[in-house]
Amino acid sequence: MSNQKSLRKLMDEFEAIVAWFGGDDLDVEAATAKFEEGAKLAEQIKKQLLAAKNQIEIVKKKFDADES
């Protein structure tokens, strides 16, 4: 079993970071760390979405080939 986080979990974590930036207590060091964490999450989300897109393209091609 993969220990990769689900897309939903990554999105929830990213949304929590975005919400944190909307708060009143912004510390420069904490904000920098949160920004870095958010950037890493965004990259993981991007990779998972790209993988999903690629899988959809494979299924579409197979479906189109089966219809021919």
N, C-alpha and C. Protein backbone atom coordinates (compact mmCIF):
# COMPACT_ATOMS: atom_id res chain seq x y z
N MET A 1 0.84 -1.19 0.00
CA MET A 1 0.00 0.00 0.00
C MET A 1 0.88 1.25 0.00
N SER A 2 0.50 2.24 -0.77
CA SER A 2 1.26 3.48 -0.87
C SER A 2 1.02 4.35 0.36
N ASN A 3 2.07 5.02 0.82
CA ASN A 3 1.87 5.95 1.93
C ASN A 3 1.70 7.37 1.40
N GLN A 4 1.38 7.49 0.12
CA GLN A 4 1.12 8.79 -0.50
C GLN A 4 -0.24 9.29 -0.01
N LYS A 5 -0.30 10.55 0.36
CA LYS A 5 -1.55 11.13 0.84
C LYS A 5 -2.55 11.25 -0.31
N SER A 6 -3.82 11.13 0.03
CA SER A 6 -4.86 11.27 -0.97
C SER A 6 -4.95 12.73 -1.41
N LEU A 7 -5.48 12.92 -2.59
CA LEU A 7 -5.66 14.27 -3.11
C LEU A 7 -6.54 15.09 -2.16
N ARG A 8 -7.60 14.47 -1.64
CA ARG A 8 -8.50 15.18 -0.73
C ARG A 8 -7.75 15.65 0.52
N LYS A 9 -6.90 14.77 1.08
CA LYS A 9 -6.13 15.12 2.27
C LYS A 9 -5.16 16.26 1.97
N LEU A 10 -4.50 16.20 0.83
CA LEU A 10 -3.59 17.28 0.44
C LEU A 10 -4.33 18.60 0.28
N MET A 11 -5.50 18.54 -0.35
CA MET A 11 -6.30 19.75 -0.55
C MET A 11 -6.76 20.33 0.79
N ASP A 12 -7.16 19.45 1.71
CA ASP A 12 -7.58 19.92 3.04
C ASP A 12 -6.42 20.61 3.76
N GLU A 13 -5.23 20.03 3.69
CA GLU A 13 -4.06 20.63 4.32
C GLU A 13 -3.72 21.97 3.68
N PHE A 14 -3.82 22.03 2.35
CA PHE A 14 -3.52 23.28 1.63
C PHE A 14 -4.53 24.36 2.02
N GLU A 15 -5.81 23.99 2.08
CA GLU A 15 -6.85 24.95 2.46
C GLU A 15 -6.65 25.46 3.89
N ALA A 16 -6.17 24.60 4.78
CA ALA A 16 -5.90 25.03 6.16
C ALA A 16 -4.78 26.06 6.18
N ILE A 17 -3.78 25.87 5.34
CA ILE A 17 -2.69 26.85 5.27
C ILE A 17 -3.20 28.18 4.72
N VAL A 18 -4.00 28.12 3.69
CA VAL A 18 -4.57 29.35 3.12
C VAL A 18 -5.39 30.08 4.18
N ALA A 19 -6.19 29.32 4.94
CA ALA A 19 -7.01 29.93 5.99
C ALA A 19 -6.13 30.55 7.08
N TRP A 20 -5.01 29.89 7.38
CA TRP A 20 -4.09 30.42 8.40
C TRP A 20 -3.62 31.81 8.01
N PHE A 21 -3.35 32.02 6.71
CA PHE A 21 -2.90 33.33 6.25
C PHE A 21 -3.98 34.39 6.38
N GLY A 22 -5.23 33.98 6.49
CA GLY A 22 -6.32 34.93 6.68
C GLY A 22 -6.49 35.35 8.13
N GLY A 23 -5.73 34.74 9.03
CA GLY A 23 -5.83 35.06 10.45
C GLY A 23 -5.14 36.36 10.79
N ASP A 24 -5.29 36.74 12.05
CA ASP A 24 -4.73 38.01 12.52
C ASP A 24 -3.30 37.89 13.04
N ASP A 25 -2.88 36.68 13.40
CA ASP A 25 -1.59 36.48 14.04
C ASP A 25 -0.56 35.98 13.03
N LEU A 26 0.01 36.91 12.26
CA LEU A 26 1.00 36.53 11.25
C LEU A 26 2.40 36.87 11.75
N ASP A 27 3.17 35.83 11.94
CA ASP A 27 4.57 35.94 12.32
C ASP A 27 5.39 35.66 11.07
N VAL A 28 6.41 36.45 10.80
CA VAL A 28 7.19 36.33 9.57
C VAL A 28 7.82 34.94 9.44
N GLU A 29 8.42 34.44 10.50
CA GLU A 29 9.04 33.12 10.43
C GLU A 29 8.01 32.02 10.19
N ALA A 30 6.90 32.10 10.92
CA ALA A 30 5.84 31.11 10.76
C ALA A 30 5.23 31.22 9.36
N ALA A 31 5.05 32.44 8.88
CA ALA A 31 4.49 32.63 7.55
C ALA A 31 5.39 32.05 6.48
N THR A 32 6.69 32.22 6.65
CA THR A 32 7.66 31.65 5.70
C THR A 32 7.57 30.14 5.69
N ALA A 33 7.51 29.54 6.88
CA ALA A 33 7.41 28.08 6.98
C ALA A 33 6.09 27.59 6.37
N LYS A 34 5.00 28.29 6.65
CA LYS A 34 3.69 27.92 6.09
C LYS A 34 3.71 28.04 4.57
N PHE A 35 4.33 29.08 4.06
CA PHE A 35 4.41 29.27 2.62
C PHE A 35 5.18 28.12 1.98
N GLU A 36 6.30 27.75 2.57
CA GLU A 36 7.08 26.63 2.04
C GLU A 36 6.29 25.33 2.08
N GLU A 37 5.58 25.10 3.18
CA GLU A 37 4.74 23.91 3.31
C GLU A 37 3.64 23.92 2.24
N GLY A 38 3.04 25.08 2.04
CA GLY A 38 2.00 25.21 1.02
C GLY A 38 2.54 24.96 -0.38
N ALA A 39 3.73 25.43 -0.65
CA ALA A 39 4.35 25.21 -1.96
C ALA A 39 4.60 23.72 -2.20
N LYS A 40 5.05 23.00 -1.17
CA LYS A 40 5.27 21.56 -1.29
C LYS A 40 3.94 20.83 -1.53
N LEU A 41 2.91 21.23 -0.78
CA LEU A 41 1.60 20.62 -0.97
C LEU A 41 1.08 20.89 -2.37
N ALA A 42 1.25 22.12 -2.84
CA ALA A 42 0.79 22.48 -4.19
C ALA A 42 1.48 21.62 -5.24
N GLU A 43 2.75 21.35 -5.06
CA GLU A 43 3.49 20.51 -6.01
C GLU A 43 2.96 19.08 -5.98
N GLN A 44 2.68 18.55 -4.79
CA GLN A 44 2.12 17.21 -4.69
C GLN A 44 0.74 17.14 -5.34
N ILE A 45 -0.06 18.16 -5.11
CA ILE A 45 -1.40 18.22 -5.70
C ILE A 45 -1.28 18.26 -7.22
N LYS A 46 -0.38 19.08 -7.72
CA LYS A 46 -0.16 19.20 -9.16
C LYS A 46 0.23 17.85 -9.76
N LYS A 47 1.13 17.14 -9.11
CA LYS A 47 1.57 15.83 -9.61
C LYS A 47 0.42 14.83 -9.64
N GLN A 48 -0.39 14.83 -8.58
CA GLN A 48 -1.51 13.89 -8.54
C GLN A 48 -2.56 14.23 -9.60
N LEU A 49 -2.82 15.51 -9.79
CA LEU A 49 -3.79 15.90 -10.82
C LEU A 49 -3.28 15.56 -12.22
N LEU A 50 -1.99 15.73 -12.45
CA LEU A 50 -1.41 15.37 -13.74
C LEU A 50 -1.49 13.87 -13.97
N ALA A 51 -1.23 13.08 -12.92
CA ALA A 51 -1.35 11.63 -13.04
C ALA A 51 -2.79 11.23 -13.35
N ALA A 52 -3.74 11.88 -12.70
CA ALA A 52 -5.15 11.59 -12.97
C ALA A 52 -5.52 11.97 -14.40
N LYS A 53 -5.03 13.11 -14.84
CA LYS A 53 -5.29 13.54 -16.21
C LYS A 53 -4.74 12.54 -17.21
N ASN A 54 -3.53 12.06 -16.96
CA ASN A 54 -2.90 11.08 -17.85
C ASN A 54 -3.71 9.79 -17.88
N GLN A 55 -4.20 9.35 -16.73
CA GLN A 55 -5.01 8.13 -16.68
C GLN A 55 -6.31 8.32 -17.45
N ILE A 56 -6.90 9.48 -17.34
CA ILE A 56 -8.14 9.76 -18.07
C ILE A 56 -7.87 9.73 -19.57
N GLU A 57 -6.76 10.29 -19.98
CA GLU A 57 -6.40 10.28 -21.41
C GLU A 57 -6.22 8.85 -21.92
N ILE A 58 -5.61 8.00 -21.11
CA ILE A 58 -5.42 6.60 -21.50
C ILE A 58 -6.77 5.91 -21.66
N VAL A 59 -7.66 6.13 -20.71
CA VAL A 59 -9.00 5.52 -20.78
C VAL A 59 -9.76 6.05 -22.00
N LYS A 60 -9.66 7.36 -22.25
CA LYS A 60 -10.34 7.94 -23.41
C LYS A 60 -9.83 7.33 -24.71
N LYS A 61 -8.52 7.18 -24.83
CA LYS A 61 -7.94 6.60 -26.04
C LYS A 61 -8.41 5.16 -26.22
N LYS A 62 -8.44 4.41 -25.13
CA LYS A 62 -8.89 3.02 -25.19
C LYS A 62 -10.37 2.98 -25.60
N PHE A 63 -11.16 3.85 -25.02
CA PHE A 63 -12.58 3.92 -25.34
C PHE A 63 -12.77 4.28 -26.81
N ASP A 64 -12.04 5.28 -27.27
CA ASP A 64 -12.15 5.70 -28.68
C ASP A 64 -11.73 4.58 -29.62
N ALA A 65 -10.69 3.84 -29.24
CA ALA A 65 -10.21 2.73 -30.08
C ALA A 65 -11.24 1.61 -30.09
N ASP A 66 -11.90 1.35 -28.99
CA ASP A 66 -12.92 0.31 -28.92
C ASP A 66 -14.14 0.66 -29.76
N GLU A 67 -14.42 1.95 -29.93
CA GLU A 67 -15.58 2.37 -30.69
C GLU A 67 -15.33 2.26 -32.20
N SER A 68 -14.08 2.24 -32.59
CA SER A 68 -13.76 2.22 -34.03
C SER A 68 -14.04 0.89 -34.67
